[in-house]
C-alpha atoms as a PDB file:
ATOM      1  CA  MET A   1      82.697   4.237 175.655  1.00  0.00           C
ATOM      2  CA  ALA A   2      83.403   2.917 172.334  1.00  0.00           C
ATOM      3  CA  PHE A   3      79.659   3.254 171.090  1.00  0.00           C
ATOM      4  CA  VAL A   4      79.678   7.016 172.199  1.00  0.00           C
ATOM      5  CA  ASP A   5      83.189   7.481 170.757  1.00  0.00           C
ATOM      6  CA  TYR A   6      81.764   6.000 167.571  1.00  0.00           C
ATOM      7  CA  LEU A   7      78.596   8.186 167.716  1.00  0.00           C
ATOM      8  CA  LEU A   8      80.770  11.511 168.303  1.00  0.00           C
ATOM      9  CA  ASP A   9      83.112  11.040 165.168  1.00  0.00           C
ATOM     10  CA  LYS A  10      80.279   9.555 163.083  1.00  0.00           C
ATOM     11  CA  GLN A  11      79.850  12.263 160.058  1.00  0.00           C
ATOM     12  CA  GLY A  12      76.225  13.488 160.197  1.00  0.00           C
ATOM     13  CA  ILE A  13      76.253  13.151 164.040  1.00  0.00           C
ATOM     14  CA  GLU A  14      77.105  16.700 165.527  1.00  0.00           C
ATOM     15  CA  SER A  15      75.050  17.464 168.215  1.00  0.00           C
ATOM     16  CA  ALA A  16      76.082  16.439 171.895  1.00  0.00           C
ATOM     17  CA  TRP A  17      72.101  16.749 172.701  1.00  0.00           C
ATOM     18  CA  THR A  18      71.695  13.746 170.032  1.00  0.00           C
ATOM     19  CA  VAL A  19      74.243  11.518 171.550  1.00  0.00           C
ATOM     20  CA  LEU A  20      72.919  12.435 174.757  1.00  0.00           C
ATOM     21  CA  GLN A  21      69.227  11.333 173.772  1.00  0.00           C
ATOM     22  CA  ILE A  22      70.710   7.629 172.166  1.00  0.00           C
ATOM     23  CA  PHE A  23      72.959   7.047 175.531  1.00  0.00           C
ATOM     24  CA  LYS A  24      69.560   7.764 177.382  1.00  0.00           C
ATOM     25  CA  THR A  25      67.513   5.020 174.977  1.00  0.00           C
ATOM     26  CA  TRP A  26      70.489   2.631 175.689  1.00  0.00           C
ATOM     27  CA  ARG A  27      70.614   2.723 179.265  1.00  0.00           C
ATOM     28  CA  ILE A  28      66.690   1.989 179.232  1.00  0.00           C
ATOM     29  CA  LEU A  29      67.270  -1.012 176.767  1.00  0.00           C
ATOM     30  CA  VAL A  30      70.309  -2.009 179.603  1.00  0.00           C
ATOM     31  CA  HIS A  31      68.110  -1.633 182.457  1.00  0.00           C
ATOM     32  CA  TYR A  32      65.086  -3.854 181.020  1.00  0.00           C
ATOM     33  CA  MET A  33      67.648  -6.528 180.223  1.00  0.00           C
ATOM     34  CA  LEU A  34      69.003  -6.257 183.904  1.00  0.00           C
ATOM     35  CA  ASP A  35      65.356  -6.634 185.015  1.00  0.00           C
ATOM     36  CA  GLU A  36      64.857  -9.917 182.711  1.00  0.00           C
ATOM     37  CA  ASP A  37      67.976 -11.358 184.244  1.00  0.00           C
ATOM     38  CA  VAL A  38      69.876 -11.346 180.605  1.00  0.00           C
ATOM     39  CA  PRO A  39      73.743 -12.029 181.420  1.00  0.00           C
ATOM     40  CA  LEU A  40      75.888  -8.790 181.189  1.00  0.00           C
ATOM     41  CA  PRO A  41      79.246  -8.125 182.262  1.00  0.00           C
ATOM     42  CA  PRO A  42      79.103  -5.806 185.571  1.00  0.00           C
ATOM     43  CA  ASN A  43      79.279  -2.107 185.145  1.00  0.00           C
ATOM     44  CA  ILE A  44      78.476  -1.958 181.640  1.00  0.00           C
ATOM     45  CA  MET A  45      77.859   1.613 181.642  1.00  0.00           C
ATOM     46  CA  ALA A  46      79.548   3.254 184.985  1.00  0.00           C
ATOM     47  CA  ARG A  47      82.618   4.647 182.986  1.00  0.00           C
ATOM     48  CA  ILE A  48      80.935   6.186 179.895  1.00  0.00           C
ATOM     49  CA  GLU A  49      81.529  10.119 179.863  1.00  0.00           C
ATOM     50  CA  LEU A  50      78.659  11.973 177.994  1.00  0.00           C
ATOM     51  CA  PRO A  51      79.621  15.151 176.353  1.00  0.00           C
ATOM     52  CA  ASP A  52      78.306  18.456 177.909  1.00  0.00           C
ATOM     53  CA  VAL A  53      74.929  19.478 176.636  1.00  0.00           C
ATOM     54  CA  MET A  54      74.017  23.132 176.985  1.00  0.00           C
ATOM     55  CA  PRO A  55      70.663  23.547 177.781  1.00  0.00           C
ATOM     56  CA  ARG A  56      68.339  24.810 174.868  1.00  0.00           C
ATOM     57  CA  VAL A  57      67.377  28.262 175.547  1.00  0.00           C
ATOM     58  CA  LYS A  58      63.939  29.111 174.545  1.00  0.00           C
ATOM     59  CA  VAL A  59      63.152  32.190 172.502  1.00  0.00           C
ATOM     60  CA  ALA A  60      60.557  34.587 173.764  1.00  0.00           C
ATOM     61  CA  LEU A  61      58.912  35.714 170.787  1.00  0.00           C
ATOM     62  CA  SER A  62      56.943  39.037 170.667  1.00  0.00           C
ATOM     63  CA  PRO A  63      53.785  39.327 168.581  1.00  0.00           C
ATOM     64  CA  GLY A  64      55.898  41.675 165.997  1.00  0.00           C
ATOM     65  CA  GLN A  65      58.511  38.899 165.568  1.00  0.00           C
ATOM     66  CA  VAL A  66      56.019  36.307 165.069  1.00  0.00           C
ATOM     67  CA  ALA A  67      54.110  38.797 162.222  1.00  0.00           C
ATOM     68  CA  ALA A  68      57.689  39.315 160.657  1.00  0.00           C
ATOM     69  CA  VAL A  69      58.764  35.476 160.419  1.00  0.00           C
ATOM     70  CA  ALA A  70      55.438  35.092 159.006  1.00  0.00           C
ATOM     71  CA  ALA A  71      55.371  38.041 156.724  1.00  0.00           C
ATOM     72  CA  ALA A  72      59.181  36.373 155.569  1.00  0.00           C
ATOM     73  CA  MET A  73      57.354  33.033 155.169  1.00  0.00           C
ATOM     74  CA  ARG A  74      55.113  34.400 152.863  1.00  0.00           C
ATOM     75  CA  ARG A  75      57.900  35.653 150.465  1.00  0.00           C
ATOM     76  CA  ILE A  76      59.793  32.328 150.720  1.00  0.00           C
ATOM     77  CA  ALA A  77      56.916  29.435 150.517  1.00  0.00           C
ATOM     78  CA  PRO A  78      53.647  31.264 150.864  1.00  0.00           C
ATOM     79  CA  ARG A  79      51.801  27.569 151.064  1.00  0.00           C
ATOM     80  CA  TYR A  80      53.681  27.428 154.831  1.00  0.00           C
ATOM     81  CA  GLU A  81      52.812  30.919 156.530  1.00  0.00           C
ATOM     82  CA  VAL A  82      49.531  29.549 157.866  1.00  0.00           C
ATOM     83  CA  LEU A  83      51.801  26.940 159.627  1.00  0.00           C
ATOM     84  CA  ILE A  84      53.357  29.799 161.590  1.00  0.00           C
ATOM     85  CA  TRP A  85      50.020  31.152 162.595  1.00  0.00           C
ATOM     86  CA  LEU A  86      48.806  27.774 163.903  1.00  0.00           C
ATOM     87  CA  GLY A  87      51.552  27.212 165.764  1.00  0.00           C
ATOM     88  CA  ALA A  88      51.642  30.775 166.983  1.00  0.00           C
ATOM     89  CA  CYS A  89      47.556  31.267 167.651  1.00  0.00           C
ATOM     90  CA  ALA A  90      46.828  27.610 168.399  1.00  0.00           C
ATOM     91  CA  GLY A  91      49.775  26.177 169.822  1.00  0.00           C
ATOM     92  CA  LEU A  92      50.043  23.356 167.618  1.00  0.00           C
ATOM     93  CA  ARG A  93      53.326  21.366 167.473  1.00  0.00           C
ATOM     94  CA  GLN A  94      54.923  21.201 164.060  1.00  0.00           C
ATOM     95  CA  GLY A  95      53.803  17.752 162.981  1.00  0.00           C
ATOM     96  CA  GLU A  96      50.252  18.561 164.622  1.00  0.00           C
ATOM     97  CA  ALA A  97      50.091  21.873 161.877  1.00  0.00           C
ATOM     98  CA  PHE A  98      51.447  19.225 159.159  1.00  0.00           C
ATOM     99  CA  GLY A  99      48.354  16.678 160.034  1.00  0.00           C
ATOM    100  CA  LEU A 100      45.463  19.471 160.453  1.00  0.00           C
ATOM    101  CA  LYS A 101      42.948  18.490 158.028  1.00  0.00           C
ATOM    102  CA  ARG A 102      39.913  20.827 156.895  1.00  0.00           C
ATOM    103  CA  SER A 103      37.651  18.240 158.221  1.00  0.00           C
ATOM    104  CA  GLN A 104      39.110  18.739 161.665  1.00  0.00           C
ATOM    105  CA  VAL A 105      38.070  22.412 161.842  1.00  0.00           C
ATOM    106  CA  ALA A 106      34.636  23.859 162.931  1.00  0.00           C
ATOM    107  CA  TRP A 107      34.783  26.869 160.763  1.00  0.00           C
ATOM    108  CA  THR A 108      31.721  28.505 162.296  1.00  0.00           C
ATOM    109  CA  HIS A 109      32.501  27.470 165.710  1.00  0.00           C
ATOM    110  CA  ASP A 110      36.339  28.329 166.055  1.00  0.00           C
ATOM    111  CA  LEU A 111      37.262  25.152 167.074  1.00  0.00           C
ATOM    112  CA  LEU A 112      40.361  23.021 166.172  1.00  0.00           C
ATOM    113  CA  HIS A 113      39.962  18.917 166.491  1.00  0.00           C
ATOM    114  CA  ILE A 114      43.640  17.842 167.391  1.00  0.00           C
ATOM    115  CA  GLU A 115      43.486  13.963 166.229  1.00  0.00           C
ATOM    116  CA  GLU A 116      47.034  13.445 164.884  1.00  0.00           C
ATOM    117  CA  GLN A 117      50.493  14.372 163.499  1.00  0.00           C
ATOM    118  CA  ARG A 118      52.460  14.256 160.416  1.00  0.00           C
ATOM    119  CA  GLN A 119      55.658  12.404 160.552  1.00  0.00           C
ATOM    120  CA  ARG A 120      57.686  11.943 157.337  1.00  0.00           C
ATOM    121  CA  GLY A 121      54.398  12.313 155.336  1.00  0.00           C
ATOM    122  CA  MET A 122      52.496   9.754 157.261  1.00  0.00           C
ATOM    123  CA  ALA A 123      49.719   9.930 159.775  1.00  0.00           C
ATOM    124  CA  VAL A 124      50.878   8.767 163.386  1.00  0.00           C
ATOM    125  CA  ARG A 125      49.667   9.063 167.046  1.00  0.00           C
ATOM    126  CA  LEU A 126      49.726  12.153 168.948  1.00  0.00           C
ATOM    127  CA  LYS A 127      52.652  12.850 171.405  1.00  0.00           C
ATOM    128  CA  THR A 128      50.560  12.255 174.817  1.00  0.00           C
ATOM    129  CA  LYS A 129      46.866  11.578 175.896  1.00  0.00           C
ATOM    130  CA  ALA A 130      46.988  15.382 176.518  1.00  0.00           C
ATOM    131  CA  SER A 131      47.581  16.310 173.051  1.00  0.00           C
ATOM    132  CA  TYR A 132      44.242  15.120 171.786  1.00  0.00           C
ATOM    133  CA  ALA A 133      41.753  18.101 171.955  1.00  0.00           C
ATOM    134  CA  THR A 134      38.958  20.030 170.865  1.00  0.00           C
ATOM    135  CA  LEU A 135      40.610  23.230 170.944  1.00  0.00           C
ATOM    136  CA  PRO A 136      38.806  26.834 171.050  1.00  0.00           C
ATOM    137  CA  VAL A 137      40.892  29.289 169.022  1.00  0.00           C
ATOM    138  CA  ASP A 138      40.443  32.970 167.904  1.00  0.00           C
ATOM    139  CA  HIS A 139      38.486  33.751 165.430  1.00  0.00           C
ATOM    140  CA  PHE A 140      41.798  35.621 163.930  1.00  0.00           C
ATOM    141  CA  LEU A 141      42.973  32.473 163.198  1.00  0.00           C
ATOM    142  CA  ILE A 142      40.028  30.957 161.688  1.00  0.00           C
ATOM    143  CA  GLU A 143      40.477  33.696 159.123  1.00  0.00           C
ATOM    144  CA  ARG A 144      44.198  33.009 158.316  1.00  0.00           C
ATOM    145  CA  LEU A 145      42.811  29.664 157.725  1.00  0.00           C
ATOM    146  CA  LEU A 146      39.977  30.138 155.290  1.00  0.00           C
ATOM    147  CA  HIS A 147      42.558  32.473 153.543  1.00  0.00           C
ATOM    148  CA  HIS A 148      44.834  29.919 153.223  1.00  0.00           C
ATOM    149  CA  VAL A 149      42.719  27.161 151.941  1.00  0.00           C
ATOM    150  CA  SER A 150      40.922  30.126 149.518  1.00  0.00           C
ATOM    151  CA  ARG A 151      44.404  30.356 147.714  1.00  0.00           C
ATOM    152  CA  PHE A 152      46.372  26.843 148.257  1.00  0.00           C
ATOM    153  CA  SER A 153      43.506  23.693 148.041  1.00  0.00           C
ATOM    154  CA  GLU A 154      45.102  22.445 144.784  1.00  0.00           C
ATOM    155  CA  PRO A 155      48.635  21.527 143.938  1.00  0.00           C
ATOM    156  CA  GLU A 156      50.593  24.263 141.918  1.00  0.00           C
ATOM    157  CA  PRO A 157      50.282  23.928 138.031  1.00  0.00           C
ATOM    158  CA  VAL A 158      53.338  23.042 135.939  1.00  0.00           C
ATOM    159  CA  SER A 159      54.179  24.207 132.722  1.00  0.00           C
ATOM    160  CA  PRO A 160      52.857  21.582 129.451  1.00  0.00           C
ATOM    161  CA  GLY A 161      56.483  20.381 129.172  1.00  0.00           C
ATOM    162  CA  ALA A 162      56.271  19.162 132.822  1.00  0.00           C
ATOM    163  CA  GLU A 163      53.143  17.692 132.411  1.00  0.00           C
ATOM    164  CA  ARG A 164      53.774  15.706 129.493  1.00  0.00           C
ATOM    165  CA  ARG A 165      57.212  14.428 131.297  1.00  0.00           C
ATOM    166  CA  ARG A 166      54.987  13.495 134.226  1.00  0.00           C
ATOM    167  CA  GLN A 167      52.499  11.441 131.912  1.00  0.00           C
ATOM    168  CA  ALA A 168      55.415   9.742 129.992  1.00  0.00           C
ATOM    169  CA  ARG A 169      56.778   8.418 133.693  1.00  0.00           C
ATOM    170  CA  GLY A 170      53.398   7.516 134.517  1.00  0.00           C
ATOM    171  CA  TYR A 171      52.969  10.232 137.272  1.00  0.00           C
ATOM    172  CA  VAL A 172      49.961   9.864 140.116  1.00  0.00           C
ATOM    173  CA  GLU A 173      48.371  12.595 141.203  1.00  0.00           C
ATOM    174  CA  PRO A 174      48.746  12.395 145.244  1.00  0.00           C
ATOM    175  CA  PRO A 175      45.042  11.385 146.701  1.00  0.00           C
ATOM    176  CA  ASP A 176      43.531  14.276 148.238  1.00  0.00           C
ATOM    177  CA  GLU A 177      43.678  13.580 151.992  1.00  0.00           C
ATOM    178  CA  GLY A 178      42.116  16.748 152.914  1.00  0.00           C
ATOM    179  CA  LEU A 179      45.309  18.519 154.621  1.00  0.00           C
ATOM    180  CA  ILE A 180      45.046  21.862 155.356  1.00  0.00           C
ATOM    181  CA  VAL A 181      48.756  22.450 154.442  1.00  0.00           C
ATOM    182  CA  THR A 182      50.459  20.694 151.703  1.00  0.00           C
ATOM    183  CA  ASN A 183      53.387  21.291 149.733  1.00  0.00           C
ATOM    184  CA  ARG A 184      53.394  22.201 146.008  1.00  0.00           C
ATOM    185  CA  PHE A 185      52.873  19.149 144.862  1.00  0.00           C
ATOM    186  CA  GLY A 186      49.628  18.477 146.936  1.00  0.00           C
ATOM    187  CA  ARG A 187      51.467  16.078 149.283  1.00  0.00           C
ATOM    188  CA  PRO A 188      52.285  15.939 152.768  1.00  0.00           C
ATOM    189  CA  VAL A 189      54.673  18.435 154.251  1.00  0.00           C
ATOM    190  CA  LEU A 190      58.171  17.224 154.898  1.00  0.00           C
ATOM    191  CA  ILE A 191      59.859  18.348 158.052  1.00  0.00           C
ATOM    192  CA  SER A 192      63.230  18.656 155.668  1.00  0.00           C
ATOM    193  CA  ASP A 193      61.425  20.931 153.407  1.00  0.00           C
ATOM    194  CA  PHE A 194      59.586  23.152 155.998  1.00  0.00           C
ATOM    195  CA  HIS A 195      63.013  23.354 158.024  1.00  0.00           C
ATOM    196  CA  GLN A 196      64.840  24.644 155.372  1.00  0.00           C
ATOM    197  CA  LYS A 197      62.410  27.533 154.696  1.00  0.00           C
ATOM    198  CA  TRP A 198      62.027  28.082 158.524  1.00  0.00           C
ATOM    199  CA  ARG A 199      65.531  29.055 158.976  1.00  0.00           C
ATOM    200  CA  LYS A 200      65.543  31.198 155.899  1.00  0.00           C
ATOM    201  CA  ALA A 201      62.434  33.030 157.139  1.00  0.00           C
ATOM    202  CA  VAL A 202      63.888  33.323 160.975  1.00  0.00           C
ATOM    203  CA  LYS A 203      67.070  34.837 159.279  1.00  0.00           C
ATOM    204  CA  GLN A 204      64.896  37.351 156.868  1.00  0.00           C
ATOM    205  CA  ALA A 205      62.688  38.067 159.922  1.00  0.00           C
ATOM    206  CA  GLY A 206      65.866  39.100 162.206  1.00  0.00           C
ATOM    207  CA  LEU A 207      65.121  36.730 164.604  1.00  0.00           C
ATOM    208  CA  PRO A 208      67.647  34.905 166.687  1.00  0.00           C
ATOM    209  CA  GLU A 209      69.257  32.364 164.809  1.00  0.00           C
ATOM    210  CA  ARG A 210      68.428  29.504 167.501  1.00  0.00           C
ATOM    211  CA  THR A 211      64.575  30.286 167.028  1.00  0.00           C
ATOM    212  CA  ARG A 212      62.607  27.207 166.913  1.00  0.00           C
ATOM    213  CA  PHE A 213      58.859  26.190 165.617  1.00  0.00           C
ATOM    214  CA  HIS A 214      58.369  25.263 168.827  1.00  0.00           C
ATOM    215  CA  ASP A 215      59.142  28.587 170.694  1.00  0.00           C
ATOM    216  CA  LEU A 216      55.869  29.755 168.809  1.00  0.00           C
ATOM    217  CA  LYS A 217      54.140  27.481 171.247  1.00  0.00           C
ATOM    218  CA  HIS A 218      55.985  29.129 174.016  1.00  0.00           C
ATOM    219  CA  PHE A 219      54.252  32.497 172.416  1.00  0.00           C
ATOM    220  CA  TYR A 220      50.996  30.953 172.432  1.00  0.00           C
ATOM    221  CA  THR A 221      51.348  29.622 176.606  1.00  0.00           C
ATOM    222  CA  THR A 222      52.793  33.252 177.365  1.00  0.00           C
ATOM    223  CA  THR A 223      50.185  35.308 175.295  1.00  0.00           C
ATOM    224  CA  LEU A 224      47.421  33.319 176.741  1.00  0.00           C
ATOM    225  CA  GLY A 225      48.689  33.800 180.455  1.00  0.00           C
ATOM    226  CA  GLY A 226      49.399  37.448 180.151  1.00  0.00           C
ATOM    227  CA  SER A 227      46.072  38.559 178.578  1.00  0.00           C
ATOM    228  CA  GLY A 228      44.663  38.214 182.130  1.00  0.00           C
ATOM    229  CA  LYS A 229      41.506  36.718 180.318  1.00  0.00           C
ATOM    230  CA  HIS A 230      42.208  32.928 181.079  1.00  0.00           C
ATOM    231  CA  ASP A 231      43.129  31.594 184.611  1.00  0.00           C
ATOM    232  CA  PRO A 232      46.484  29.474 184.887  1.00  0.00           C
ATOM    233  CA  LYS A 233      44.674  26.128 184.521  1.00  0.00           C
ATOM    234  CA  THR A 234      42.590  27.125 181.588  1.00  0.00           C
ATOM    235  CA  VAL A 235      45.937  27.775 180.350  1.00  0.00           C
ATOM    236  CA  GLN A 236      47.241  24.679 180.939  1.00  0.00           C
ATOM    237  CA  ALA A 237      44.046  22.986 179.299  1.00  0.00           C
ATOM    238  CA  LEU A 238      44.373  25.577 176.163  1.00  0.00           C
ATOM    239  CA  SER A 239      48.188  24.590 175.769  1.00  0.00           C
ATOM    240  CA  ARG A 240      47.334  21.050 176.162  1.00  0.00           C
ATOM    241  CA  HIS A 241      50.283  20.008 178.500  1.00  0.00           C
ATOM    242  CA  ALA A 242      49.506  16.885 180.970  1.00  0.00           C
ATOM    243  CA  LYS A 243      51.232  18.700 184.012  1.00  0.00           C
ATOM    244  CA  PHE A 244      50.885  22.332 185.260  1.00  0.00           C
ATOM    245  CA  SER A 245      54.372  22.518 185.871  1.00  0.00           C
ATOM    246  CA  GLU A 246      54.861  22.473 182.189  1.00  0.00           C
ATOM    247  CA  THR A 247      52.655  25.549 181.970  1.00  0.00           C
ATOM    248  CA  TRP A 248      54.063  27.249 184.732  1.00  0.00           C
ATOM    249  CA  ASP A 249      57.746  27.090 183.024  1.00  0.00           C
ATOM    250  CA  THR A 250      56.352  28.688 179.725  1.00  0.00           C
ATOM    251  CA  TYR A 251      55.390  25.463 178.126  1.00  0.00           C
ATOM    252  CA  ALA A 252      47.867  21.144 177.542  1.00  0.00           C
ATOM    253  CA  HIS A 253      43.895  17.625 176.054  1.00  0.00           C
ATOM    254  CA  PRO A 254      41.134  20.279 177.692  1.00  0.00           C
ATOM    255  CA  PRO A 255      38.435  19.539 179.125  1.00  0.00           C
ATOM    256  CA  LEU A 256      34.715  19.651 177.723  1.00  0.00           C
ATOM    257  CA  ALA A 257      34.432  22.598 179.618  1.00  0.00           C
ATOM    258  CA  VAL A 258      37.215  24.672 177.866  1.00  0.00           C
ATOM    259  CA  GLU A 259      35.327  24.152 174.851  1.00  0.00           C
ATOM    260  CA  GLU A 260      32.745  26.981 175.804  1.00  0.00           C
ATOM    261  CA  VAL A 261      35.874  29.180 176.161  1.00  0.00           C
ATOM    262  CA  MET A 262      36.160  32.167 174.014  1.00  0.00           C
ATOM    263  CA  VAL A 263      39.640  32.732 173.013  1.00  0.00           C
ATOM    264  CA  THR A 264      40.390  36.485 171.249  1.00  0.00           C
ATOM    265  CA  ALA A 265      43.756  37.338 172.944  1.00  0.00           C
ATOM    266  CA  PHE A 266      45.777  36.686 169.460  1.00  0.00           C
ATOM    267  CA  GLY A 267      43.347  38.965 167.467  1.00  0.00           C
ATOM    268  CA  THR A 268      44.038  41.813 169.881  1.00  0.00           C
ATOM    269  CA  ALA A 269      47.947  40.815 169.603  1.00  0.00           C
ATOM    270  CA  PHE A 270      47.972  41.081 165.996  1.00  0.00           C
ATOM    271  CA  SER A 271      45.308  44.110 165.746  1.00  0.00           C
ATOM    272  CA  HIS A 272      48.033  45.698 163.977  1.00  0.00           C
ATOM    273  CA  ILE A 273      47.905  42.927 161.033  1.00  0.00           C
ATOM    274  CA  ASP A 274      45.701  43.713 158.124  1.00  0.00           C
ATOM    275  CA  THR A 275      42.890  41.142 157.727  1.00  0.00           C
ATOM    276  CA  PRO A 276      43.575  39.077 154.670  1.00  0.00           C
ATOM    277  CA  ALA A 277      41.902  40.311 151.325  1.00  0.00           C
ATOM    278  CA  GLY A 278      38.815  38.329 151.130  1.00  0.00           C
ATOM    279  CA  ALA A 279      39.078  36.095 154.107  1.00  0.00           C
ATOM    280  CA  LEU A 280      35.899  37.416 155.616  1.00  0.00           C
ATOM    281  CA  ARG A 281      33.720  37.798 152.169  1.00  0.00           C
ATOM    282  CA  ASN A 282      30.894  35.127 152.227  1.00  0.00           C
ATOM    283  CA  GLY A 283      32.005  33.650 155.417  1.00  0.00           C
ATOM    284  CA  ALA A 284      29.386  31.068 155.545  1.00  0.00           C
ATOM    285  CA  ALA A 285      30.471  29.794 151.802  1.00  0.00           C
ATOM    286  CA  SER A 286      34.139  30.073 152.313  1.00  0.00           C
ATOM    287  CA  ALA A 287      33.660  27.726 155.567  1.00  0.00           C
ATOM    288  CA  ASP A 288      31.366  25.565 153.783  1.00  0.00           C
ATOM    289  CA  GLN A 289      33.809  25.149 151.203  1.00  0.00           C
ATOM    290  CA  ALA A 290      36.593  24.540 153.376  1.00  0.00           C
ATOM    291  CA  SER A 291      34.813  21.898 155.184  1.00  0.00           C
ATOM    292  CA  GLY A 292      33.879  20.183 151.707  1.00  0.00           C
ATOM    293  CA  GLY A 293      30.434  21.179 152.075  1.00  0.00           C
ATOM    294  CA  SER A 294      29.855  18.735 154.953  1.00  0.00           C
END
């Protein structure tokens, strides 16, 4: 009880949901100690009263709303716009989009190889075994990726004065990790930086304030399912859900058979959006450049 009261009073912890997750973790620890016969007083958690938690409400996005938040991000932080398309048209989670590399895109075959995610700038394992995938995507998304890498393959330039100050303090250029999306300094995207800009984009686009990046994944699944082009189990595989119940509830590692699927639902959904200028120009050369010539 005292521990929960402490969490509720602790500055910076404002979400009852966070308290609940901490309690669940604590409960797992206590159960482990009980299994290992660690002496504990009786009823160690029986009288703890948890705060009420309102269930998170999913925001059902339309293609127009996705396009609107992408356009808003283009104005706020152009380097981050493609993250929205990765969420909406490939169902990537936030960390997966941060961690996608140029070498993990089969540019001429419309495939993404989902192999890692980024947390706090570091490469870490994916959420589940089902998350690892070779994922067929709509060519619409490949066009967006080509357009992005043609514009944002290098850090943003700085003024001569800023460059002199960098050299004076021994600034070292970040290594090129091959990430498709980096911040303006050429480093991995941090969630704090992206979240700040995401909230601004949501507001500018006129979307509900509670709209989360993860709602783009819901949009991905519902668009696939509603297109009528894929059976429910294929939608589950494309969505990289371990259980069909996740897909059925609108929320999938595709089997190898899924790699032969052609996904076109998103090009249709966003047919009213202009193709990025020059995205298709010299497509083969652009794809070769994007993959580092490999």
